[in-house]
Amino acid sequence: MIPRPIADAVTDDRSLRVKIVRRLARKTVVGSHKKQVDTVKNWFAASDQGRVEMLLREMIRDPDVPIEGYGGSRDNVRLSSIESAKAYIEANGGDLPWGLRDD
């Protein structure tokens, strides 16, 4: 059994990852539309910004996450596609942003 604080941290990371992908999808950061890591982290509360930056950099390297580094510096991010972002959000228990729902 995982100790409670560690289990809470894993859950918090998972929900924060979904929030990052959700926010990028809502702002349609895909294709030639890219954002700097600093810009994305500033979309979140000051208390979460350090964690968001760390997670973004992890997510860029994770092939199962629909976020990719873009540009020469790799300090820019974008979604690999809106469809993969939707699938990731739904698979991880998140709600799709209003403009991406099929209903």
PDB file of N, CA and C in Angstrom:
ATOM      1  N   MET A   1       0.839  -1.180   0.000  1.00  0.00           N
ATOM      2  CA  MET A   1       0.000   0.000   0.000  1.00  0.00           C
ATOM      3  C   MET A   1       0.887   1.247   0.000  1.00  0.00           C
ATOM      4  N   ILE A   2       0.514   2.245  -0.805  1.00  0.00           N
ATOM      5  CA  ILE A   2       1.279   3.488  -0.917  1.00  0.00           C
ATOM      6  C   ILE A   2       0.906   4.405   0.243  1.00  0.00           C
ATOM      7  N   PRO A   3       1.902   4.970   0.932  1.00  0.00           N
ATOM      8  CA  PRO A   3       1.590   5.914   2.019  1.00  0.00           C
ATOM      9  C   PRO A   3       0.749   7.080   1.509  1.00  0.00           C
ATOM     10  N   ARG A   4      -0.112   7.598   2.331  1.00  0.00           N
ATOM     11  CA  ARG A   4      -1.080   8.628   1.951  1.00  0.00           C
ATOM     12  C   ARG A   4      -0.468   9.867   1.293  1.00  0.00           C
ATOM     13  N   PRO A   5       0.575  10.499   1.848  1.00  0.00           N
ATOM     14  CA  PRO A   5       1.123  11.693   1.192  1.00  0.00           C
ATOM     15  C   PRO A   5       1.652  11.418  -0.212  1.00  0.00           C
ATOM     16  N   ILE A   6       2.269  10.250  -0.407  1.00  0.00           N
ATOM     17  CA  ILE A   6       2.782   9.903  -1.732  1.00  0.00           C
ATOM     18  C   ILE A   6       1.621   9.650  -2.691  1.00  0.00           C
ATOM     19  N   ALA A   7       0.597   8.960  -2.243  1.00  0.00           N
ATOM     20  CA  ALA A   7      -0.578   8.702  -3.082  1.00  0.00           C
ATOM     21  C   ALA A   7      -1.246  10.016  -3.478  1.00  0.00           C
ATOM     22  N   ASP A   8      -1.334  10.965  -2.541  1.00  0.00           N
ATOM     23  CA  ASP A   8      -1.929  12.267  -2.852  1.00  0.00           C
ATOM     24  C   ASP A   8      -1.094  13.021  -3.879  1.00  0.00           C
ATOM     25  N   ALA A   9       0.234  12.931  -3.771  1.00  0.00           N
ATOM     26  CA  ALA A   9       1.117  13.609  -4.712  1.00  0.00           C
ATOM     27  C   ALA A   9       0.965  13.028  -6.120  1.00  0.00           C
ATOM     28  N   VAL A  10       0.836  11.711  -6.220  1.00  0.00           N
ATOM     29  CA  VAL A  10       0.639  11.070  -7.522  1.00  0.00           C
ATOM     30  C   VAL A  10      -0.685  11.517  -8.134  1.00  0.00           C
ATOM     31  N   THR A  11      -1.740  11.559  -7.329  1.00  0.00           N
ATOM     32  CA  THR A  11      -3.048  12.011  -7.797  1.00  0.00           C
ATOM     33  C   THR A  11      -2.990  13.469  -8.221  1.00  0.00           C
ATOM     34  N   ASP A  12      -2.312  14.300  -7.431  1.00  0.00           N
ATOM     35  CA  ASP A  12      -2.186  15.719  -7.771  1.00  0.00           C
ATOM     36  C   ASP A  12      -1.432  15.902  -9.082  1.00  0.00           C
ATOM     37  N   ASP A  13      -0.351  15.130  -9.286  1.00  0.00           N
ATOM     38  CA  ASP A  13       0.408  15.216 -10.538  1.00  0.00           C
ATOM     39  C   ASP A  13      -0.452  14.807 -11.720  1.00  0.00           C
ATOM     40  N   ARG A  14      -1.210  13.746 -11.552  1.00  0.00           N
ATOM     41  CA  ARG A  14      -2.066  13.276 -12.648  1.00  0.00           C
ATOM     42  C   ARG A  14      -3.098  14.338 -13.009  1.00  0.00           C
ATOM     43  N   SER A  15      -3.737  14.926 -12.012  1.00  0.00           N
ATOM     44  CA  SER A  15      -4.748  15.945 -12.300  1.00  0.00           C
ATOM     45  C   SER A  15      -4.104  17.202 -12.880  1.00  0.00           C
ATOM     46  N   LEU A  16      -2.903  17.544 -12.431  1.00  0.00           N
ATOM     47  CA  LEU A  16      -2.207  18.714 -12.973  1.00  0.00           C
ATOM     48  C   LEU A  16      -1.784  18.467 -14.423  1.00  0.00           C
ATOM     49  N   ARG A  17      -1.372  17.240 -14.736  1.00  0.00           N
ATOM     50  CA  ARG A  17      -1.037  16.891 -16.117  1.00  0.00           C
ATOM     51  C   ARG A  17      -2.266  17.046 -17.020  1.00  0.00           C
ATOM     52  N   VAL A  18      -3.401  16.571 -16.536  1.00  0.00           N
ATOM     53  CA  VAL A  18      -4.641  16.700 -17.319  1.00  0.00           C
ATOM     54  C   VAL A  18      -4.986  18.178 -17.503  1.00  0.00           C
ATOM     55  N   LYS A  19      -4.825  18.975 -16.458  1.00  0.00           N
ATOM     56  CA  LYS A  19      -5.117  20.414 -16.561  1.00  0.00           C
ATOM     57  C   LYS A  19      -4.221  21.093 -17.581  1.00  0.00           C
ATOM     58  N   ILE A  20      -2.948  20.700 -17.630  1.00  0.00           N
ATOM     59  CA  ILE A  20      -2.024  21.281 -18.602  1.00  0.00           C
ATOM     60  C   ILE A  20      -2.482  20.956 -20.021  1.00  0.00           C
ATOM     61  N   VAL A  21      -2.764  19.683 -20.284  1.00  0.00           N
ATOM     62  CA  VAL A  21      -3.205  19.276 -21.625  1.00  0.00           C
ATOM     63  C   VAL A  21      -4.539  19.938 -21.965  1.00  0.00           C
ATOM     64  N   ARG A  22      -5.438  20.004 -20.992  1.00  0.00           N
ATOM     65  CA  ARG A  22      -6.751  20.618 -21.200  1.00  0.00           C
ATOM     66  C   ARG A  22      -6.609  22.093 -21.575  1.00  0.00           C
ATOM     67  N   ARG A  23      -5.751  22.803 -20.862  1.00  0.00           N
ATOM     68  CA  ARG A  23      -5.550  24.227 -21.126  1.00  0.00           C
ATOM     69  C   ARG A  23      -4.940  24.443 -22.507  1.00  0.00           C
ATOM     70  N   LEU A  24      -3.955  23.622 -22.881  1.00  0.00           N
ATOM     71  CA  LEU A  24      -3.362  23.723 -24.217  1.00  0.00           C
ATOM     72  C   LEU A  24      -4.393  23.416 -25.297  1.00  0.00           C
ATOM     73  N   ALA A  25      -5.254  22.431 -25.042  1.00  0.00           N
ATOM     74  CA  ALA A  25      -6.293  22.073 -26.021  1.00  0.00           C
ATOM     75  C   ALA A  25      -7.316  23.196 -26.155  1.00  0.00           C
ATOM     76  N   ARG A  26      -7.707  23.769 -25.030  1.00  0.00           N
ATOM     77  CA  ARG A  26      -8.698  24.852 -25.063  1.00  0.00           C
ATOM     78  C   ARG A  26      -8.167  26.046 -25.844  1.00  0.00           C
ATOM     79  N   LYS A  27      -6.873  26.291 -25.749  1.00  0.00           N
ATOM     80  CA  LYS A  27      -6.257  27.414 -26.461  1.00  0.00           C
ATOM     81  C   LYS A  27      -5.741  26.999 -27.835  1.00  0.00           C
ATOM     82  N   THR A  28      -6.049  25.775 -28.258  1.00  0.00           N
ATOM     83  CA  THR A  28      -5.642  25.179 -29.543  1.00  0.00           C
ATOM     84  C   THR A  28      -4.170  25.434 -29.869  1.00  0.00           C
ATOM     85  N   VAL A  29      -3.304  25.045 -28.956  1.00  0.00           N
ATOM     86  CA  VAL A  29      -1.857  25.165 -29.149  1.00  0.00           C
ATOM     87  C   VAL A  29      -1.399  23.906 -29.876  1.00  0.00           C
ATOM     88  N   VAL A  30      -1.532  23.944 -31.198  1.00  0.00           N
ATOM     89  CA  VAL A  30      -1.223  22.786 -32.045  1.00  0.00           C
ATOM     90  C   VAL A  30      -0.714  23.304 -33.390  1.00  0.00           C
ATOM     91  N   GLY A  31       0.045  22.480 -34.096  1.00  0.00           N
ATOM     92  CA  GLY A  31       0.582  22.901 -35.392  1.00  0.00           C
ATOM     93  C   GLY A  31       1.640  23.976 -35.216  1.00  0.00           C
ATOM     94  N   SER A  32       1.514  25.061 -35.972  1.00  0.00           N
ATOM     95  CA  SER A  32       2.506  26.137 -35.875  1.00  0.00           C
ATOM     96  C   SER A  32       2.263  27.033 -34.660  1.00  0.00           C
ATOM     97  N   HIS A  33       1.130  26.853 -33.984  1.00  0.00           N
ATOM     98  CA  HIS A  33       0.833  27.617 -32.765  1.00  0.00           C
ATOM     99  C   HIS A  33       1.549  26.943 -31.597  1.00  0.00           C
ATOM    100  N   LYS A  34       2.509  27.626 -31.021  1.00  0.00           N
ATOM    101  CA  LYS A  34       3.291  27.075 -29.918  1.00  0.00           C
ATOM    102  C   LYS A  34       3.338  28.079 -28.777  1.00  0.00           C
ATOM    103  N   LYS A  35       3.676  27.605 -27.595  1.00  0.00           N
ATOM    104  CA  LYS A  35       3.801  28.474 -26.418  1.00  0.00           C
ATOM    105  C   LYS A  35       5.093  28.145 -25.699  1.00  0.00           C
ATOM    106  N   GLN A  36       5.709  29.148 -25.104  1.00  0.00           N
ATOM    107  CA  GLN A  36       6.889  28.910 -24.291  1.00  0.00           C
ATOM    108  C   GLN A  36       6.474  28.251 -22.984  1.00  0.00           C
ATOM    109  N   VAL A  37       7.358  27.438 -22.429  1.00  0.00           N
ATOM    110  CA  VAL A  37       7.086  26.767 -21.159  1.00  0.00           C
ATOM    111  C   VAL A  37       6.738  27.810 -20.093  1.00  0.00           C
ATOM    112  N   ASP A  38       7.456  28.930 -20.067  1.00  0.00           N
ATOM    113  CA  ASP A  38       7.172  29.979 -19.076  1.00  0.00           C
ATOM    114  C   ASP A  38       5.771  30.554 -19.237  1.00  0.00           C
ATOM    115  N   THR A  39       5.306  30.694 -20.460  1.00  0.00           N
ATOM    116  CA  THR A  39       3.951  31.202 -20.703  1.00  0.00           C
ATOM    117  C   THR A  39       2.921  30.231 -20.152  1.00  0.00           C
ATOM    118  N   VAL A  40       3.102  28.945 -20.451  1.00  0.00           N
ATOM    119  CA  VAL A  40       2.154  27.931 -19.986  1.00  0.00           C
ATOM    120  C   VAL A  40       2.126  27.880 -18.465  1.00  0.00           C
ATOM    121  N   LYS A  41       3.279  27.905 -17.833  1.00  0.00           N
ATOM    122  CA  LYS A  41       3.298  27.818 -16.364  1.00  0.00           C
ATOM    123  C   LYS A  41       2.626  29.035 -15.734  1.00  0.00           C
ATOM    124  N   ASN A  42       2.688  30.187 -16.399  1.00  0.00           N
ATOM    125  CA  ASN A  42       2.046  31.392 -15.867  1.00  0.00           C
ATOM    126  C   ASN A  42       0.529  31.363 -15.986  1.00  0.00           C
ATOM    127  N   TRP A  43      -0.037  30.395 -16.688  1.00  0.00           N
ATOM    128  CA  TRP A  43      -1.486  30.226 -16.741  1.00  0.00           C
ATOM    129  C   TRP A  43      -2.026  29.622 -15.450  1.00  0.00           C
ATOM    130  N   PHE A  44      -1.136  29.148 -14.589  1.00  0.00           N
ATOM    131  CA  PHE A  44      -1.539  28.442 -13.370  1.00  0.00           C
ATOM    132  C   PHE A  44      -1.233  29.286 -12.137  1.00  0.00           C
ATOM    133  N   ALA A  45      -1.796  28.874 -11.017  1.00  0.00           N
ATOM    134  CA  ALA A  45      -1.583  29.572  -9.747  1.00  0.00           C
ATOM    135  C   ALA A  45      -0.092  29.591  -9.411  1.00  0.00           C
ATOM    136  N   ALA A  46       0.343  30.651  -8.750  1.00  0.00           N
ATOM    137  CA  ALA A  46       1.756  30.809  -8.397  1.00  0.00           C
ATOM    138  C   ALA A  46       2.269  29.610  -7.594  1.00  0.00           C
ATOM    139  N   SER A  47       1.415  29.050  -6.764  1.00  0.00           N
ATOM    140  CA  SER A  47       1.825  27.908  -5.941  1.00  0.00           C
ATOM    141  C   SER A  47       2.063  26.650  -6.762  1.00  0.00           C
ATOM    142  N   ASP A  48       1.513  26.583  -7.971  1.00  0.00           N
ATOM    143  CA  ASP A  48       1.662  25.402  -8.832  1.00  0.00           C
ATOM    144  C   ASP A  48       2.696  25.587  -9.937  1.00  0.00           C
ATOM    145  N   GLN A  49       3.190  26.799 -10.141  1.00  0.00           N
ATOM    146  CA  GLN A  49       4.019  27.081 -11.316  1.00  0.00           C
ATOM    147  C   GLN A  49       5.301  26.262 -11.383  1.00  0.00           C
ATOM    148  N   GLY A  50       5.974  26.058 -10.282  1.00  0.00           N
ATOM    149  CA  GLY A  50       7.197  25.256 -10.297  1.00  0.00           C
ATOM    150  C   GLY A  50       6.900  23.827 -10.685  1.00  0.00           C
ATOM    151  N   ARG A  51       5.834  23.299 -10.121  1.00  0.00           N
ATOM    152  CA  ARG A  51       5.435  21.916 -10.421  1.00  0.00           C
ATOM    153  C   ARG A  51       4.992  21.788 -11.879  1.00  0.00           C
ATOM    154  N   VAL A  52       4.255  22.790 -12.386  1.00  0.00           N
ATOM    155  CA  VAL A  52       3.803  22.764 -13.783  1.00  0.00           C
ATOM    156  C   VAL A  52       5.001  22.739 -14.724  1.00  0.00           C
ATOM    157  N   GLU A  53       6.005  23.571 -14.452  1.00  0.00           N
ATOM    158  CA  GLU A  53       7.188  23.584 -15.308  1.00  0.00           C
ATOM    159  C   GLU A  53       7.888  22.226 -15.300  1.00  0.00           C
ATOM    160  N   MET A  54       8.049  21.645 -14.120  1.00  0.00           N
ATOM    161  CA  MET A  54       8.698  20.346 -14.018  1.00  0.00           C
ATOM    162  C   MET A  54       7.897  19.268 -14.767  1.00  0.00           C
ATOM    163  N   LEU A  55       6.576  19.273 -14.574  1.00  0.00           N
ATOM    164  CA  LEU A  55       5.732  18.285 -15.257  1.00  0.00           C
ATOM    165  C   LEU A  55       5.755  18.477 -16.770  1.00  0.00           C
ATOM    166  N   LEU A  56       5.719  19.731 -17.229  1.00  0.00           N
ATOM    167  CA  LEU A  56       5.776  19.980 -18.669  1.00  0.00           C
ATOM    168  C   LEU A  56       7.042  19.389 -19.273  1.00  0.00           C
ATOM    169  N   ARG A  57       8.158  19.594 -18.617  1.00  0.00           N
ATOM    170  CA  ARG A  57       9.427  19.074 -19.134  1.00  0.00           C
ATOM    171  C   ARG A  57       9.446  17.537 -19.119  1.00  0.00           C
ATOM    172  N   GLU A  58       8.804  16.929 -18.124  1.00  0.00           N
ATOM    173  CA  GLU A  58       8.663  15.468 -18.105  1.00  0.00           C
ATOM    174  C   GLU A  58       7.743  15.000 -19.218  1.00  0.00           C
ATOM    175  N   MET A  59       6.637  15.728 -19.410  1.00  0.00           N
ATOM    176  CA  MET A  59       5.637  15.334 -20.392  1.00  0.00           C
ATOM    177  C   MET A  59       6.175  15.409 -21.815  1.00  0.00           C
ATOM    178  N   ILE A  60       7.085  16.343 -22.078  1.00  0.00           N
ATOM    179  CA  ILE A  60       7.684  16.456 -23.408  1.00  0.00           C
ATOM    180  C   ILE A  60       8.415  15.165 -23.769  1.00  0.00           C
ATOM    181  N   ARG A  61       9.056  14.549 -22.776  1.00  0.00           N
ATOM    182  CA  ARG A  61       9.837  13.330 -23.012  1.00  0.00           C
ATOM    183  C   ARG A  61       8.996  12.059 -22.979  1.00  0.00           C
ATOM    184  N   ASP A  62       7.745  12.141 -22.538  1.00  0.00           N
ATOM    185  CA  ASP A  62       6.885  10.965 -22.408  1.00  0.00           C
ATOM    186  C   ASP A  62       6.110  10.741 -23.708  1.00  0.00           C
ATOM    187  N   PRO A  63       6.353   9.623 -24.408  1.00  0.00           N
ATOM    188  CA  PRO A  63       5.664   9.383 -25.681  1.00  0.00           C
ATOM    189  C   PRO A  63       4.152   9.138 -25.537  1.00  0.00           C
ATOM    190  N   ASP A  64       3.671   8.882 -24.318  1.00  0.00           N
ATOM    191  CA  ASP A  64       2.243   8.637 -24.117  1.00  0.00           C
ATOM    192  C   ASP A  64       1.457   9.917 -23.871  1.00  0.00           C
ATOM    193  N   VAL A  65       2.139  11.045 -23.823  1.00  0.00           N
ATOM    194  CA  VAL A  65       1.495  12.342 -23.569  1.00  0.00           C
ATOM    195  C   VAL A  65       1.507  13.132 -24.876  1.00  0.00           C
ATOM    196  N   PRO A  66       0.391  13.769 -25.231  1.00  0.00           N
ATOM    197  CA  PRO A  66       0.298  14.454 -26.526  1.00  0.00           C
ATOM    198  C   PRO A  66       0.950  15.840 -26.560  1.00  0.00           C
ATOM    199  N   ILE A  67       2.028  16.039 -25.800  1.00  0.00           N
ATOM    200  CA  ILE A  67       2.748  17.315 -25.804  1.00  0.00           C
ATOM    201  C   ILE A  67       4.133  17.063 -26.370  1.00  0.00           C
ATOM    202  N   GLU A  68       4.575  17.971 -27.244  1.00  0.00           N
ATOM    203  CA  GLU A  68       5.901  17.830 -27.816  1.00  0.00           C
ATOM    204  C   GLU A  68       6.657  19.147 -27.739  1.00  0.00           C
ATOM    205  N   GLY A  69       7.981  19.038 -27.600  1.00  0.00           N
ATOM    206  CA  GLY A  69       8.835  20.208 -27.664  1.00  0.00           C
ATOM    207  C   GLY A  69       8.909  20.667 -29.099  1.00  0.00           C
ATOM    208  N   TYR A  70       9.065  21.959 -29.300  1.00  0.00           N
ATOM    209  CA  TYR A  70       9.025  22.504 -30.655  1.00  0.00           C
ATOM    210  C   TYR A  70      10.054  23.616 -30.772  1.00  0.00           C
ATOM    211  N   GLY A  71      10.746  23.646 -31.883  1.00  0.00           N
ATOM    212  CA  GLY A  71      11.722  24.708 -32.116  1.00  0.00           C
ATOM    213  C   GLY A  71      13.110  24.280 -31.693  1.00  0.00           C
ATOM    214  N   GLY A  72      14.075  25.111 -32.019  1.00  0.00           N
ATOM    215  CA  GLY A  72      15.466  24.783 -31.737  1.00  0.00           C
ATOM    216  C   GLY A  72      15.781  24.692 -30.260  1.00  0.00           C
ATOM    217  N   SER A  73      15.204  25.556 -29.464  1.00  0.00           N
ATOM    218  CA  SER A  73      15.529  25.566 -28.035  1.00  0.00           C
ATOM    219  C   SER A  73      14.755  24.501 -27.274  1.00  0.00           C
ATOM    220  N   ARG A  74      13.703  23.985 -27.845  1.00  0.00           N
ATOM    221  CA  ARG A  74      12.812  23.012 -27.192  1.00  0.00           C
ATOM    222  C   ARG A  74      12.167  23.606 -25.943  1.00  0.00           C
ATOM    223  N   ASP A  75      12.227  24.923 -25.812  1.00  0.00           N
ATOM    224  CA  ASP A  75      11.549  25.561 -24.693  1.00  0.00           C
ATOM    225  C   ASP A  75      10.135  25.975 -25.088  1.00  0.00           C
ATOM    226  N   ASN A  76       9.748  25.604 -26.301  1.00  0.00           N
ATOM    227  CA  ASN A  76       8.385  25.819 -26.772  1.00  0.00           C
ATOM    228  C   ASN A  76       7.664  24.481 -26.760  1.00  0.00           C
ATOM    229  N   VAL A  77       6.376  24.513 -26.486  1.00  0.00           N
ATOM    230  CA  VAL A  77       5.572  23.291 -26.487  1.00  0.00           C
ATOM    231  C   VAL A  77       4.331  23.489 -27.335  1.00  0.00           C
ATOM    232  N   ARG A  78       3.793  22.371 -27.776  1.00  0.00           N
ATOM    233  CA  ARG A  78       2.525  22.349 -28.504  1.00  0.00           C
ATOM    234  C   ARG A  78       1.952  20.949 -28.362  1.00  0.00           C
ATOM    235  N   LEU A  79       0.684  20.818 -28.674  1.00  0.00           N
ATOM    236  CA  LEU A  79       0.045  19.504 -28.681  1.00  0.00           C
ATOM    237  C   LEU A  79       0.385  18.797 -29.982  1.00  0.00           C
ATOM    238  N   SER A  80       0.533  17.484 -29.929  1.00  0.00           N
ATOM    239  CA  SER A  80       0.774  16.732 -31.156  1.00  0.00           C
ATOM    240  C   SER A  80      -0.467  16.761 -32.043  1.00  0.00           C
ATOM    241  N   SER A  81      -1.661  16.733 -31.437  1.00  0.00           N
ATOM    242  CA  SER A  81      -2.926  16.907 -32.159  1.00  0.00           C
ATOM    243  C   SER A  81      -4.048  17.117 -31.147  1.00  0.00           C
ATOM    244  N   ILE A  82      -5.110  17.718 -31.595  1.00  0.00           N
ATOM    245  CA  ILE A  82      -6.273  17.936 -30.720  1.00  0.00           C
ATOM    246  C   ILE A  82      -6.916  16.595 -30.382  1.00  0.00           C
ATOM    247  N   GLU A  83      -6.979  15.688 -31.352  1.00  0.00           N
ATOM    248  CA  GLU A  83      -7.594  14.377 -31.102  1.00  0.00           C
ATOM    249  C   GLU A  83      -6.837  13.587 -30.039  1.00  0.00           C
ATOM    250  N   SER A  84      -5.510  13.609 -30.107  1.00  0.00           N
ATOM    251  CA  SER A  84      -4.739  12.888 -29.090  1.00  0.00           C
ATOM    252  C   SER A  84      -4.881  13.556 -27.723  1.00  0.00           C
ATOM    253  N   ALA A  85      -5.025  14.872 -27.708  1.00  0.00           N
ATOM    254  CA  ALA A  85      -5.248  15.583 -26.444  1.00  0.00           C
ATOM    255  C   ALA A  85      -6.596  15.187 -25.849  1.00  0.00           C
ATOM    256  N   LYS A  86      -7.630  15.120 -26.693  1.00  0.00           N
ATOM    257  CA  LYS A  86      -8.955  14.710 -26.216  1.00  0.00           C
ATOM    258  C   LYS A  86      -8.898  13.298 -25.629  1.00  0.00           C
ATOM    259  N   ALA A  87      -8.226  12.398 -26.332  1.00  0.00           N
ATOM    260  CA  ALA A  87      -8.119  11.014 -25.854  1.00  0.00           C
ATOM    261  C   ALA A  87      -7.371  10.963 -24.524  1.00  0.00           C
ATOM    262  N   TYR A  88      -6.305  11.744 -24.384  1.00  0.00           N
ATOM    263  CA  TYR A  88      -5.521  11.760 -23.147  1.00  0.00           C
ATOM    264  C   TYR A  88      -6.357  12.298 -21.982  1.00  0.00           C
ATOM    265  N   ILE A  89      -7.075  13.372 -22.226  1.00  0.00           N
ATOM    266  CA  ILE A  89      -7.901  13.973 -21.171  1.00  0.00           C
ATOM    267  C   ILE A  89      -8.957  12.980 -20.704  1.00  0.00           C
ATOM    268  N   GLU A  90      -9.660  12.363 -21.642  1.00  0.00           N
ATOM    269  CA  GLU A  90     -10.715  11.408 -21.287  1.00  0.00           C
ATOM    270  C   GLU A  90     -10.143  10.169 -20.598  1.00  0.00           C
ATOM    271  N   ALA A  91      -8.999   9.669 -21.076  1.00  0.00           N
ATOM    272  CA  ALA A  91      -8.393   8.464 -20.496  1.00  0.00           C
ATOM    273  C   ALA A  91      -7.906   8.687 -19.066  1.00  0.00           C
ATOM    274  N   ASN A  92      -7.628   9.932 -18.729  1.00  0.00           N
ATOM    275  CA  ASN A  92      -7.121  10.247 -17.395  1.00  0.00           C
ATOM    276  C   ASN A  92      -8.164  10.910 -16.503  1.00  0.00           C
ATOM    277  N   GLY A  93      -9.432  10.771 -16.868  1.00  0.00           N
ATOM    278  CA  GLY A  93     -10.518  11.202 -16.003  1.00  0.00           C
ATOM    279  C   GLY A  93     -10.837  12.683 -16.021  1.00  0.00           C
ATOM    280  N   GLY A  94     -10.356  13.402 -17.022  1.00  0.00           N
ATOM    281  CA  GLY A  94     -10.633  14.831 -17.104  1.00  0.00           C
ATOM    282  C   GLY A  94     -11.872  15.126 -17.931  1.00  0.00           C
ATOM    283  N   ASP A  95     -12.377  16.327 -17.792  1.00  0.00           N
ATOM    284  CA  ASP A  95     -13.500  16.799 -18.598  1.00  0.00           C
ATOM    285  C   ASP A  95     -12.964  17.578 -19.790  1.00  0.00           C
ATOM    286  N   LEU A  96     -13.553  17.343 -20.944  1.00  0.00           N
ATOM    287  CA  LEU A  96     -13.120  18.070 -22.134  1.00  0.00           C
ATOM    288  C   LEU A  96     -13.545  19.520 -22.048  1.00  0.00           C
ATOM    289  N   PRO A  97     -12.715  20.426 -22.584  1.00  0.00           N
ATOM    290  CA  PRO A  97     -13.115  21.830 -22.635  1.00  0.00           C
ATOM    291  C   PRO A  97     -14.351  21.985 -23.507  1.00  0.00           C
ATOM    292  N   TRP A  98     -15.113  23.009 -23.263  1.00  0.00           N
ATOM    293  CA  TRP A  98     -16.397  23.228 -23.927  1.00  0.00           C
ATOM    294  C   TRP A  98     -16.298  23.124 -25.456  1.00  0.00           C
ATOM    295  N   GLY A  99     -15.349  23.747 -26.061  1.00  0.00           N
ATOM    296  CA  GLY A  99     -15.245  23.770 -27.534  1.00  0.00           C
ATOM    297  C   GLY A  99     -14.815  22.455 -28.148  1.00  0.00           C
ATOM    298  N   LEU A 100     -14.401  21.492 -27.343  1.00  0.00           N
ATOM    299  CA  LEU A 100     -13.927  20.213 -27.882  1.00  0.00           C
ATOM    300  C   LEU A 100     -14.895  19.056 -27.676  1.00  0.00           C
ATOM    301  N   ARG A 101     -15.994  19.326 -27.037  1.00  0.00           N
ATOM    302  CA  ARG A 101     -16.971  18.252 -26.794  1.00  0.00           C
ATOM    303  C   ARG A 101     -17.727  17.923 -28.065  1.00  0.00           C
ATOM    304  N   ASP A 102     -18.066  16.651 -28.218  1.00  0.00           N
ATOM    305  CA  ASP A 102     -18.793  16.204 -29.396  1.00  0.00           C
ATOM    306  C   ASP A 102     -20.312  16.324 -29.238  1.00  0.00           C
ATOM    307  N   ASP A 103     -20.787  16.597 -28.024  1.00  0.00           N
ATOM    308  CA  ASP A 103     -22.238  16.642 -27.812  1.00  0.00           C
ATOM    309  C   ASP A 103     -22.833  17.988 -28.051  1.00  0.00           C
TER     310      ASP A 103
END
